[in-house]
Amino acid sequence: MTAKKAARKLRRRSSKNFPTLDSYLAEEGKLEEFEAQAIKEVLAWQIEKAMKKAGLTRTALAEKMHTSRAQLNRVLDPKDGNVTLETLMRVARHVGREVRIELV
């Protein structure tokens, strides 16, 4: 590959066409994936925060929920997107919180 071709490959896109990160991600077809990841990360953070406030370790919460620690770890893993609403609601209930979902 010539230096000219390599430079063309590395050339950045103009940010003029993408005034926001959302518009860039939408153009790349990645917006939904990133939004889902962000929601999962916030949920995991909120659960961890509620656990800390309640003085619960992962092991203690798993026992309280009558589930395995591995299952709880999946809920708290932001990279694992396969968590059901039922599971989220059970976790929330056991840490003294509730799940609210709305379409806007």
PDB file of N, CA and C in Angstrom:
ATOM      1  N   MET A   1       0.852  -1.175   0.000  1.00  0.00           N
ATOM      2  CA  MET A   1       0.000   0.000   0.000  1.00  0.00           C
ATOM      3  C   MET A   1       0.895   1.236   0.000  1.00  0.00           C
ATOM      4  N   THR A   2       0.551   2.171  -0.834  1.00  0.00           N
ATOM      5  CA  THR A   2       1.352   3.389  -0.903  1.00  0.00           C
ATOM      6  C   THR A   2       1.023   4.296   0.272  1.00  0.00           C
ATOM      7  N   ALA A   3       1.914   5.237   0.515  1.00  0.00           N
ATOM      8  CA  ALA A   3       1.714   6.179   1.618  1.00  0.00           C
ATOM      9  C   ALA A   3       0.460   7.018   1.384  1.00  0.00           C
ATOM     10  N   LYS A   4       0.186   7.326   0.123  1.00  0.00           N
ATOM     11  CA  LYS A   4      -0.993   8.134  -0.204  1.00  0.00           C
ATOM     12  C   LYS A   4      -2.279   7.366   0.116  1.00  0.00           C
ATOM     13  N   LYS A   5      -2.301   6.076  -0.232  1.00  0.00           N
ATOM     14  CA  LYS A   5      -3.477   5.250   0.064  1.00  0.00           C
ATOM     15  C   LYS A   5      -3.660   5.085   1.571  1.00  0.00           C
ATOM     16  N   ALA A   6      -2.564   4.899   2.279  1.00  0.00           N
ATOM     17  CA  ALA A   6      -2.628   4.754   3.734  1.00  0.00           C
ATOM     18  C   ALA A   6      -3.159   6.030   4.379  1.00  0.00           C
ATOM     19  N   ALA A   7      -2.723   7.171   3.883  1.00  0.00           N
ATOM     20  CA  ALA A   7      -3.183   8.450   4.424  1.00  0.00           C
ATOM     21  C   ALA A   7      -4.671   8.633   4.174  1.00  0.00           C
ATOM     22  N   ARG A   8      -5.147   8.217   2.995  1.00  0.00           N
ATOM     23  CA  ARG A   8      -6.571   8.316   2.688  1.00  0.00           C
ATOM     24  C   ARG A   8      -7.396   7.434   3.614  1.00  0.00           C
ATOM     25  N   LYS A   9      -6.870   6.251   3.903  1.00  0.00           N
ATOM     26  CA  LYS A   9      -7.561   5.321   4.789  1.00  0.00           C
ATOM     27  C   LYS A   9      -7.677   5.884   6.203  1.00  0.00           C
ATOM     28  N   LEU A  10      -6.648   6.564   6.648  1.00  0.00           N
ATOM     29  CA  LEU A  10      -6.624   7.097   8.007  1.00  0.00           C
ATOM     30  C   LEU A  10      -7.295   8.459   8.131  1.00  0.00           C
ATOM     31  N   ARG A  11      -7.642   9.057   7.022  1.00  0.00           N
ATOM     32  CA  ARG A  11      -8.243  10.386   7.044  1.00  0.00           C
ATOM     33  C   ARG A  11      -9.530  10.353   7.867  1.00  0.00           C
ATOM     34  N   ARG A  12      -9.648  11.300   8.730  1.00  0.00           N
ATOM     35  CA  ARG A  12     -10.829  11.382   9.590  1.00  0.00           C
ATOM     36  C   ARG A  12     -11.993  11.986   8.829  1.00  0.00           C
ATOM     37  N   ARG A  13     -13.173  11.609   9.258  1.00  0.00           N
ATOM     38  CA  ARG A  13     -14.369  12.210   8.694  1.00  0.00           C
ATOM     39  C   ARG A  13     -14.520  13.616   9.243  1.00  0.00           C
ATOM     40  N   SER A  14     -15.131  14.453   8.488  1.00  0.00           N
ATOM     41  CA  SER A  14     -15.392  15.813   8.934  1.00  0.00           C
ATOM     42  C   SER A  14     -16.479  15.791   9.992  1.00  0.00           C
ATOM     43  N   SER A  15     -16.277  16.529  11.063  1.00  0.00           N
ATOM     44  CA  SER A  15     -17.288  16.584  12.115  1.00  0.00           C
ATOM     45  C   SER A  15     -18.439  17.515  11.741  1.00  0.00           C
ATOM     46  N   LYS A  16     -18.320  18.235  10.637  1.00  0.00           N
ATOM     47  CA  LYS A  16     -19.398  19.126  10.195  1.00  0.00           C
ATOM     48  C   LYS A  16     -20.680  18.344   9.924  1.00  0.00           C
ATOM     49  N   ASN A  17     -20.521  17.142   9.419  1.00  0.00           N
ATOM     50  CA  ASN A  17     -21.681  16.321   9.080  1.00  0.00           C
ATOM     51  C   ASN A  17     -22.309  15.661  10.298  1.00  0.00           C
ATOM     52  N   PHE A  18     -21.637  15.682  11.425  1.00  0.00           N
ATOM     53  CA  PHE A  18     -22.122  15.023  12.630  1.00  0.00           C
ATOM     54  C   PHE A  18     -22.026  15.989  13.810  1.00  0.00           C
ATOM     55  N   PRO A  19     -23.032  16.839  14.003  1.00  0.00           N
ATOM     56  CA  PRO A  19     -22.965  17.818  15.092  1.00  0.00           C
ATOM     57  C   PRO A  19     -23.022  17.193  16.483  1.00  0.00           C
ATOM     58  N   THR A  20     -23.516  15.956  16.592  1.00  0.00           N
ATOM     59  CA  THR A  20     -23.584  15.298  17.895  1.00  0.00           C
ATOM     60  C   THR A  20     -23.057  13.871  17.784  1.00  0.00           C
ATOM     61  N   LEU A  21     -22.694  13.332  18.921  1.00  0.00           N
ATOM     62  CA  LEU A  21     -22.261  11.929  18.960  1.00  0.00           C
ATOM     63  C   LEU A  21     -23.407  11.026  18.529  1.00  0.00           C
ATOM     64  N   ASP A  22     -24.610  11.348  18.956  1.00  0.00           N
ATOM     65  CA  ASP A  22     -25.778  10.541  18.573  1.00  0.00           C
ATOM     66  C   ASP A  22     -25.948  10.481  17.058  1.00  0.00           C
ATOM     67  N   SER A  23     -25.773  11.607  16.396  1.00  0.00           N
ATOM     68  CA  SER A  23     -25.940  11.605  14.943  1.00  0.00           C
ATOM     69  C   SER A  23     -24.852  10.774  14.266  1.00  0.00           C
ATOM     70  N   TYR A  24     -23.640  10.831  14.801  1.00  0.00           N
ATOM     71  CA  TYR A  24     -22.554  10.016  14.254  1.00  0.00           C
ATOM     72  C   TYR A  24     -22.852   8.530  14.446  1.00  0.00           C
ATOM     73  N   LEU A  25     -23.254   8.158  15.674  1.00  0.00           N
ATOM     74  CA  LEU A  25     -23.549   6.751  15.955  1.00  0.00           C
ATOM     75  C   LEU A  25     -24.726   6.254  15.120  1.00  0.00           C
ATOM     76  N   ALA A  26     -25.722   7.114  14.931  1.00  0.00           N
ATOM     77  CA  ALA A  26     -26.867   6.734  14.096  1.00  0.00           C
ATOM     78  C   ALA A  26     -26.419   6.483  12.665  1.00  0.00           C
ATOM     79  N   GLU A  27     -25.565   7.344  12.150  1.00  0.00           N
ATOM     80  CA  GLU A  27     -25.043   7.184  10.788  1.00  0.00           C
ATOM     81  C   GLU A  27     -24.272   5.865  10.649  1.00  0.00           C
ATOM     82  N   GLU A  28     -23.556   5.502  11.691  1.00  0.00           N
ATOM     83  CA  GLU A  28     -22.763   4.270  11.670  1.00  0.00           C
ATOM     84  C   GLU A  28     -23.609   3.026  11.999  1.00  0.00           C
ATOM     85  N   GLY A  29     -24.878   3.248  12.347  1.00  0.00           N
ATOM     86  CA  GLY A  29     -25.761   2.128  12.694  1.00  0.00           C
ATOM     87  C   GLY A  29     -25.476   1.543  14.070  1.00  0.00           C
ATOM     88  N   LYS A  30     -24.891   2.335  14.962  1.00  0.00           N
ATOM     89  CA  LYS A  30     -24.476   1.847  16.276  1.00  0.00           C
ATOM     90  C   LYS A  30     -25.225   2.508  17.440  1.00  0.00           C
ATOM     91  N   LEU A  31     -26.135   3.432  17.153  1.00  0.00           N
ATOM     92  CA  LEU A  31     -26.778   4.202  18.211  1.00  0.00           C
ATOM     93  C   LEU A  31     -27.540   3.316  19.196  1.00  0.00           C
ATOM     94  N   GLU A  32     -28.372   2.413  18.696  1.00  0.00           N
ATOM     95  CA  GLU A  32     -29.156   1.553  19.590  1.00  0.00           C
ATOM     96  C   GLU A  32     -28.262   0.690  20.467  1.00  0.00           C
ATOM     97  N   GLU A  33     -27.200   0.168  19.891  1.00  0.00           N
ATOM     98  CA  GLU A  33     -26.262  -0.669  20.647  1.00  0.00           C
ATOM     99  C   GLU A  33     -25.618   0.131  21.783  1.00  0.00           C
ATOM    100  N   PHE A  34     -25.185   1.350  21.487  1.00  0.00           N
ATOM    101  CA  PHE A  34     -24.544   2.181  22.503  1.00  0.00           C
ATOM    102  C   PHE A  34     -25.539   2.624  23.572  1.00  0.00           C
ATOM    103  N   GLU A  35     -26.763   2.942  23.168  1.00  0.00           N
ATOM    104  CA  GLU A  35     -27.775   3.341  24.150  1.00  0.00           C
ATOM    105  C   GLU A  35     -28.098   2.182  25.093  1.00  0.00           C
ATOM    106  N   ALA A  36     -28.246   0.983  24.543  1.00  0.00           N
ATOM    107  CA  ALA A  36     -28.531  -0.191  25.374  1.00  0.00           C
ATOM    108  C   ALA A  36     -27.386  -0.444  26.351  1.00  0.00           C
ATOM    109  N   GLN A  37     -26.163  -0.311  25.884  1.00  0.00           N
ATOM    110  CA  GLN A  37     -24.990  -0.502  26.741  1.00  0.00           C
ATOM    111  C   GLN A  37     -24.971   0.537  27.857  1.00  0.00           C
ATOM    112  N   ALA A  38     -25.282   1.776  27.527  1.00  0.00           N
ATOM    113  CA  ALA A  38     -25.288   2.845  28.529  1.00  0.00           C
ATOM    114  C   ALA A  38     -26.354   2.601  29.585  1.00  0.00           C
ATOM    115  N   ILE A  39     -27.532   2.168  29.160  1.00  0.00           N
ATOM    116  CA  ILE A  39     -28.611   1.870  30.112  1.00  0.00           C
ATOM    117  C   ILE A  39     -28.194   0.745  31.042  1.00  0.00           C
ATOM    118  N   LYS A  40     -27.609  -0.294  30.483  1.00  0.00           N
ATOM    119  CA  LYS A  40     -27.173  -1.437  31.299  1.00  0.00           C
ATOM    120  C   LYS A  40     -26.112  -1.009  32.303  1.00  0.00           C
ATOM    121  N   GLU A  41     -25.183  -0.165  31.888  1.00  0.00           N
ATOM    122  CA  GLU A  41     -24.142   0.308  32.804  1.00  0.00           C
ATOM    123  C   GLU A  41     -24.738   1.129  33.947  1.00  0.00           C
ATOM    124  N   VAL A  42     -25.708   1.973  33.632  1.00  0.00           N
ATOM    125  CA  VAL A  42     -26.346   2.779  34.675  1.00  0.00           C
ATOM    126  C   VAL A  42     -27.116   1.885  35.635  1.00  0.00           C
ATOM    127  N   LEU A  43     -27.844   0.909  35.109  1.00  0.00           N
ATOM    128  CA  LEU A  43     -28.577  -0.011  35.984  1.00  0.00           C
ATOM    129  C   LEU A  43     -27.637  -0.767  36.916  1.00  0.00           C
ATOM    130  N   ALA A  44     -26.553  -1.276  36.368  1.00  0.00           N
ATOM    131  CA  ALA A  44     -25.579  -2.007  37.194  1.00  0.00           C
ATOM    132  C   ALA A  44     -25.005  -1.095  38.273  1.00  0.00           C
ATOM    133  N   TRP A  45     -24.702   0.143  37.918  1.00  0.00           N
ATOM    134  CA  TRP A  45     -24.170   1.111  38.882  1.00  0.00           C
ATOM    135  C   TRP A  45     -25.199   1.398  39.970  1.00  0.00           C
ATOM    136  N   GLN A  46     -26.458   1.587  39.587  1.00  0.00           N
ATOM    137  CA  GLN A  46     -27.503   1.870  40.560  1.00  0.00           C
ATOM    138  C   GLN A  46     -27.726   0.692  41.508  1.00  0.00           C
ATOM    139  N   ILE A  47     -27.675  -0.515  40.982  1.00  0.00           N
ATOM    140  CA  ILE A  47     -27.840  -1.701  41.827  1.00  0.00           C
ATOM    141  C   ILE A  47     -26.681  -1.810  42.811  1.00  0.00           C
ATOM    142  N   GLU A  48     -25.450  -1.628  42.310  1.00  0.00           N
ATOM    143  CA  GLU A  48     -24.277  -1.683  43.193  1.00  0.00           C
ATOM    144  C   GLU A  48     -24.380  -0.634  44.299  1.00  0.00           C
ATOM    145  N   LYS A  49     -24.827   0.558  43.941  1.00  0.00           N
ATOM    146  CA  LYS A  49     -24.978   1.645  44.906  1.00  0.00           C
ATOM    147  C   LYS A  49     -26.033   1.278  45.964  1.00  0.00           C
ATOM    148  N   ALA A  50     -27.149   0.722  45.524  1.00  0.00           N
ATOM    149  CA  ALA A  50     -28.206   0.314  46.449  1.00  0.00           C
ATOM    150  C   ALA A  50     -27.738  -0.835  47.345  1.00  0.00           C
ATOM    151  N   MET A  51     -26.945  -1.749  46.786  1.00  0.00           N
ATOM    152  CA  MET A  51     -26.394  -2.853  47.585  1.00  0.00           C
ATOM    153  C   MET A  51     -25.502  -2.306  48.687  1.00  0.00           C
ATOM    154  N   LYS A  52     -24.656  -1.358  48.321  1.00  0.00           N
ATOM    155  CA  LYS A  52     -23.744  -0.769  49.290  1.00  0.00           C
ATOM    156  C   LYS A  52     -24.521  -0.080  50.407  1.00  0.00           C
ATOM    157  N   LYS A  53     -25.555   0.674  50.023  1.00  0.00           N
ATOM    158  CA  LYS A  53     -26.377   1.375  51.013  1.00  0.00           C
ATOM    159  C   LYS A  53     -27.068   0.388  51.943  1.00  0.00           C
ATOM    160  N   ALA A  54     -27.492  -0.754  51.402  1.00  0.00           N
ATOM    161  CA  ALA A  54     -28.172  -1.778  52.200  1.00  0.00           C
ATOM    162  C   ALA A  54     -27.176  -2.677  52.943  1.00  0.00           C
ATOM    163  N   GLY A  55     -25.886  -2.481  52.685  1.00  0.00           N
ATOM    164  CA  GLY A  55     -24.868  -3.305  53.340  1.00  0.00           C
ATOM    165  C   GLY A  55     -24.846  -4.744  52.854  1.00  0.00           C
ATOM    166  N   LEU A  56     -25.177  -4.936  51.570  1.00  0.00           N
ATOM    167  CA  LEU A  56     -25.232  -6.280  51.005  1.00  0.00           C
ATOM    168  C   LEU A  56     -24.050  -6.554  50.082  1.00  0.00           C
ATOM    169  N   THR A  57     -23.432  -7.691  50.270  1.00  0.00           N
ATOM    170  CA  THR A  57     -22.419  -8.154  49.331  1.00  0.00           C
ATOM    171  C   THR A  57     -23.136  -8.894  48.207  1.00  0.00           C
ATOM    172  N   ARG A  58     -22.420  -9.198  47.154  1.00  0.00           N
ATOM    173  CA  ARG A  58     -23.012  -9.976  46.060  1.00  0.00           C
ATOM    174  C   ARG A  58     -23.480 -11.344  46.556  1.00  0.00           C
ATOM    175  N   THR A  59     -22.669 -11.948  47.388  1.00  0.00           N
ATOM    176  CA  THR A  59     -23.029 -13.264  47.914  1.00  0.00           C
ATOM    177  C   THR A  59     -24.294 -13.175  48.760  1.00  0.00           C
ATOM    178  N   ALA A  60     -24.367 -12.173  49.630  1.00  0.00           N
ATOM    179  CA  ALA A  60     -25.531 -12.017  50.508  1.00  0.00           C
ATOM    180  C   ALA A  60     -26.796 -11.734  49.689  1.00  0.00           C
ATOM    181  N   LEU A  61     -26.684 -10.892  48.685  1.00  0.00           N
ATOM    182  CA  LEU A  61     -27.852 -10.588  47.850  1.00  0.00           C
ATOM    183  C   LEU A  61     -28.295 -11.825  47.081  1.00  0.00           C
ATOM    184  N   ALA A  62     -27.355 -12.577  46.544  1.00  0.00           N
ATOM    185  CA  ALA A  62     -27.699 -13.798  45.812  1.00  0.00           C
ATOM    186  C   ALA A  62     -28.435 -14.772  46.730  1.00  0.00           C
ATOM    187  N   GLU A  63     -27.966 -14.917  47.954  1.00  0.00           N
ATOM    188  CA  GLU A  63     -28.629 -15.807  48.915  1.00  0.00           C
ATOM    189  C   GLU A  63     -30.036 -15.296  49.231  1.00  0.00           C
ATOM    190  N   LYS A  64     -30.164 -14.007  49.430  1.00  0.00           N
ATOM    191  CA  LYS A  64     -31.452 -13.394  49.739  1.00  0.00           C
ATOM    192  C   LYS A  64     -32.449 -13.618  48.591  1.00  0.00           C
ATOM    193  N   MET A  65     -31.927 -13.607  47.365  1.00  0.00           N
ATOM    194  CA  MET A  65     -32.773 -13.803  46.188  1.00  0.00           C
ATOM    195  C   MET A  65     -32.997 -15.279  45.849  1.00  0.00           C
ATOM    196  N   HIS A  66     -32.335 -16.167  46.572  1.00  0.00           N
ATOM    197  CA  HIS A  66     -32.388 -17.611  46.282  1.00  0.00           C
ATOM    198  C   HIS A  66     -31.918 -17.903  44.860  1.00  0.00           C
ATOM    199  N   THR A  67     -30.780 -17.309  44.525  1.00  0.00           N
ATOM    200  CA  THR A  67     -30.182 -17.531  43.212  1.00  0.00           C
ATOM    201  C   THR A  67     -28.679 -17.695  43.399  1.00  0.00           C
ATOM    202  N   SER A  68     -27.997 -17.962  42.316  1.00  0.00           N
ATOM    203  CA  SER A  68     -26.547 -18.132  42.401  1.00  0.00           C
ATOM    204  C   SER A  68     -25.852 -16.787  42.287  1.00  0.00           C
ATOM    205  N   ARG A  69     -24.648 -16.736  42.790  1.00  0.00           N
ATOM    206  CA  ARG A  69     -23.856 -15.516  42.651  1.00  0.00           C
ATOM    207  C   ARG A  69     -23.521 -15.286  41.175  1.00  0.00           C
ATOM    208  N   ALA A  70     -23.357 -16.368  40.424  1.00  0.00           N
ATOM    209  CA  ALA A  70     -23.078 -16.239  38.985  1.00  0.00           C
ATOM    210  C   ALA A  70     -24.229 -15.524  38.275  1.00  0.00           C
ATOM    211  N   GLN A  71     -25.468 -15.861  38.644  1.00  0.00           N
ATOM    212  CA  GLN A  71     -26.631 -15.191  38.046  1.00  0.00           C
ATOM    213  C   GLN A  71     -26.629 -13.709  38.399  1.00  0.00           C
ATOM    214  N   LEU A  72     -26.346 -13.400  39.649  1.00  0.00           N
ATOM    215  CA  LEU A  72     -26.285 -11.998  40.071  1.00  0.00           C
ATOM    216  C   LEU A  72     -25.155 -11.268  39.353  1.00  0.00           C
ATOM    217  N   ASN A  73     -24.027 -11.930  39.179  1.00  0.00           N
ATOM    218  CA  ASN A  73     -22.906 -11.322  38.452  1.00  0.00           C
ATOM    219  C   ASN A  73     -23.302 -10.970  37.021  1.00  0.00           C
ATOM    220  N   ARG A  74     -24.149 -11.806  36.393  1.00  0.00           N
ATOM    221  CA  ARG A  74     -24.612 -11.510  35.033  1.00  0.00           C
ATOM    222  C   ARG A  74     -25.466 -10.247  35.032  1.00  0.00           C
ATOM    223  N   VAL A  75     -26.282 -10.079  36.064  1.00  0.00           N
ATOM    224  CA  VAL A  75     -27.112  -8.878  36.165  1.00  0.00           C
ATOM    225  C   VAL A  75     -26.228  -7.641  36.310  1.00  0.00           C
ATOM    226  N   LEU A  76     -25.158  -7.766  37.077  1.00  0.00           N
ATOM    227  CA  LEU A  76     -24.286  -6.630  37.358  1.00  0.00           C
ATOM    228  C   LEU A  76     -23.197  -6.415  36.307  1.00  0.00           C
ATOM    229  N   ASP A  77     -23.144  -7.278  35.304  1.00  0.00           N
ATOM    230  CA  ASP A  77     -22.145  -7.153  34.243  1.00  0.00           C
ATOM    231  C   ASP A  77     -22.714  -6.307  33.110  1.00  0.00           C
ATOM    232  N   PRO A  78     -22.210  -5.094  32.930  1.00  0.00           N
ATOM    233  CA  PRO A  78     -22.751  -4.222  31.885  1.00  0.00           C
ATOM    234  C   PRO A  78     -22.606  -4.782  30.473  1.00  0.00           C
ATOM    235  N   LYS A  79     -21.719  -5.720  30.275  1.00  0.00           N
ATOM    236  CA  LYS A  79     -21.521  -6.291  28.944  1.00  0.00           C
ATOM    237  C   LYS A  79     -22.512  -7.406  28.640  1.00  0.00           C
ATOM    238  N   ASP A  80     -23.213  -7.896  29.659  1.00  0.00           N
ATOM    239  CA  ASP A  80     -24.204  -8.958  29.475  1.00  0.00           C
ATOM    240  C   ASP A  80     -25.572  -8.309  29.323  1.00  0.00           C
ATOM    241  N   GLY A  81     -26.068  -8.251  28.129  1.00  0.00           N
ATOM    242  CA  GLY A  81     -27.344  -7.585  27.880  1.00  0.00           C
ATOM    243  C   GLY A  81     -28.557  -8.478  28.011  1.00  0.00           C
ATOM    244  N   ASN A  82     -28.365  -9.718  28.405  1.00  0.00           N
ATOM    245  CA  ASN A  82     -29.474 -10.663  28.468  1.00  0.00           C
ATOM    246  C   ASN A  82     -30.033 -10.802  29.870  1.00  0.00           C
ATOM    247  N   VAL A  83     -30.554  -9.714  30.395  1.00  0.00           N
ATOM    248  CA  VAL A  83     -31.164  -9.723  31.714  1.00  0.00           C
ATOM    249  C   VAL A  83     -32.639  -9.418  31.532  1.00  0.00           C
ATOM    250  N   THR A  84     -33.486 -10.246  32.130  1.00  0.00           N
ATOM    251  CA  THR A  84     -34.917 -10.033  31.965  1.00  0.00           C
ATOM    252  C   THR A  84     -35.422  -8.954  32.912  1.00  0.00           C
ATOM    253  N   LEU A  85     -36.556  -8.386  32.567  1.00  0.00           N
ATOM    254  CA  LEU A  85     -37.194  -7.408  33.447  1.00  0.00           C
ATOM    255  C   LEU A  85     -37.556  -8.041  34.780  1.00  0.00           C
ATOM    256  N   GLU A  86     -37.983  -9.280  34.733  1.00  0.00           N
ATOM    257  CA  GLU A  86     -38.334  -9.990  35.970  1.00  0.00           C
ATOM    258  C   GLU A  86     -37.125 -10.066  36.909  1.00  0.00           C
ATOM    259  N   THR A  87     -35.973 -10.383  36.369  1.00  0.00           N
ATOM    260  CA  THR A  87     -34.761 -10.457  37.187  1.00  0.00           C
ATOM    261  C   THR A  87     -34.393  -9.091  37.739  1.00  0.00           C
ATOM    262  N   LEU A  88     -34.463  -8.069  36.902  1.00  0.00           N
ATOM    263  CA  LEU A  88     -34.170  -6.707  37.373  1.00  0.00           C
ATOM    264  C   LEU A  88     -35.119  -6.300  38.489  1.00  0.00           C
ATOM    265  N   MET A  89     -36.381  -6.653  38.350  1.00  0.00           N
ATOM    266  CA  MET A  89     -37.365  -6.309  39.366  1.00  0.00           C
ATOM    267  C   MET A  89     -37.094  -7.052  40.676  1.00  0.00           C
ATOM    268  N   ARG A  90     -36.679  -8.313  40.580  1.00  0.00           N
ATOM    269  CA  ARG A  90     -36.344  -9.075  41.790  1.00  0.00           C
ATOM    270  C   ARG A  90     -35.147  -8.460  42.504  1.00  0.00           C
ATOM    271  N   VAL A  91     -34.116  -8.120  41.741  1.00  0.00           N
ATOM    272  CA  VAL A  91     -32.933  -7.507  42.339  1.00  0.00           C
ATOM    273  C   VAL A  91     -33.317  -6.190  43.004  1.00  0.00           C
ATOM    274  N   ALA A  92     -34.069  -5.366  42.284  1.00  0.00           N
ATOM    275  CA  ALA A  92     -34.473  -4.061  42.824  1.00  0.00           C
ATOM    276  C   ALA A  92     -35.244  -4.224  44.134  1.00  0.00           C
ATOM    277  N   ARG A  93     -36.161  -5.143  44.153  1.00  0.00           N
ATOM    278  CA  ARG A  93     -36.967  -5.367  45.358  1.00  0.00           C
ATOM    279  C   ARG A  93     -36.095  -5.755  46.547  1.00  0.00           C
ATOM    280  N   HIS A  94     -35.100  -6.575  46.306  1.00  0.00           N
ATOM    281  CA  HIS A  94     -34.237  -7.062  47.397  1.00  0.00           C
ATOM    282  C   HIS A  94     -33.228  -6.024  47.885  1.00  0.00           C
ATOM    283  N   VAL A  95     -33.052  -4.943  47.128  1.00  0.00           N
ATOM    284  CA  VAL A  95     -32.170  -3.868  47.595  1.00  0.00           C
ATOM    285  C   VAL A  95     -32.986  -2.631  47.970  1.00  0.00           C
ATOM    286  N   GLY A  96     -34.311  -2.818  48.071  1.00  0.00           N
ATOM    287  CA  GLY A  96     -35.167  -1.725  48.513  1.00  0.00           C
ATOM    288  C   GLY A  96     -35.478  -0.687  47.463  1.00  0.00           C
ATOM    289  N   ARG A  97     -35.419  -1.082  46.206  1.00  0.00           N
ATOM    290  CA  ARG A  97     -35.703  -0.154  45.100  1.00  0.00           C
ATOM    291  C   ARG A  97     -36.806  -0.741  44.227  1.00  0.00           C
ATOM    292  N   GLU A  98     -37.189  -0.021  43.196  1.00  0.00           N
ATOM    293  CA  GLU A  98     -38.149  -0.518  42.225  1.00  0.00           C
ATOM    294  C   GLU A  98     -37.691  -0.126  40.829  1.00  0.00           C
ATOM    295  N   VAL A  99     -38.189  -0.830  39.845  1.00  0.00           N
ATOM    296  CA  VAL A  99     -37.845  -0.557  38.449  1.00  0.00           C
ATOM    297  C   VAL A  99     -38.994   0.234  37.836  1.00  0.00           C
ATOM    298  N   ARG A 100     -38.635   1.314  37.166  1.00  0.00           N
ATOM    299  CA  ARG A 100     -39.618   2.113  36.437  1.00  0.00           C
ATOM    300  C   ARG A 100     -39.176   2.191  34.985  1.00  0.00           C
ATOM    301  N   ILE A 101     -40.104   1.923  34.100  1.00  0.00           N
ATOM    302  CA  ILE A 101     -39.799   1.975  32.666  1.00  0.00           C
ATOM    303  C   ILE A 101     -40.873   2.826  32.014  1.00  0.00           C
ATOM    304  N   GLU A 102     -40.448   3.701  31.120  1.00  0.00           N
ATOM    305  CA  GLU A 102     -41.409   4.507  30.397  1.00  0.00           C
ATOM    306  C   GLU A 102     -40.941   4.689  28.968  1.00  0.00           C
ATOM    307  N   LEU A 103     -41.902   4.819  28.088  1.00  0.00           N
ATOM    308  CA  LEU A 103     -41.609   5.105  26.692  1.00  0.00           C
ATOM    309  C   LEU A 103     -41.807   6.598  26.499  1.00  0.00           C
ATOM    310  N   VAL A 104     -40.839   7.237  25.907  1.00  0.00           N
ATOM    311  CA  VAL A 104     -40.934   8.686  25.699  1.00  0.00           C
ATOM    312  C   VAL A 104     -40.812   9.024  24.231  1.00  0.00           C
TER     313      VAL A 104
END
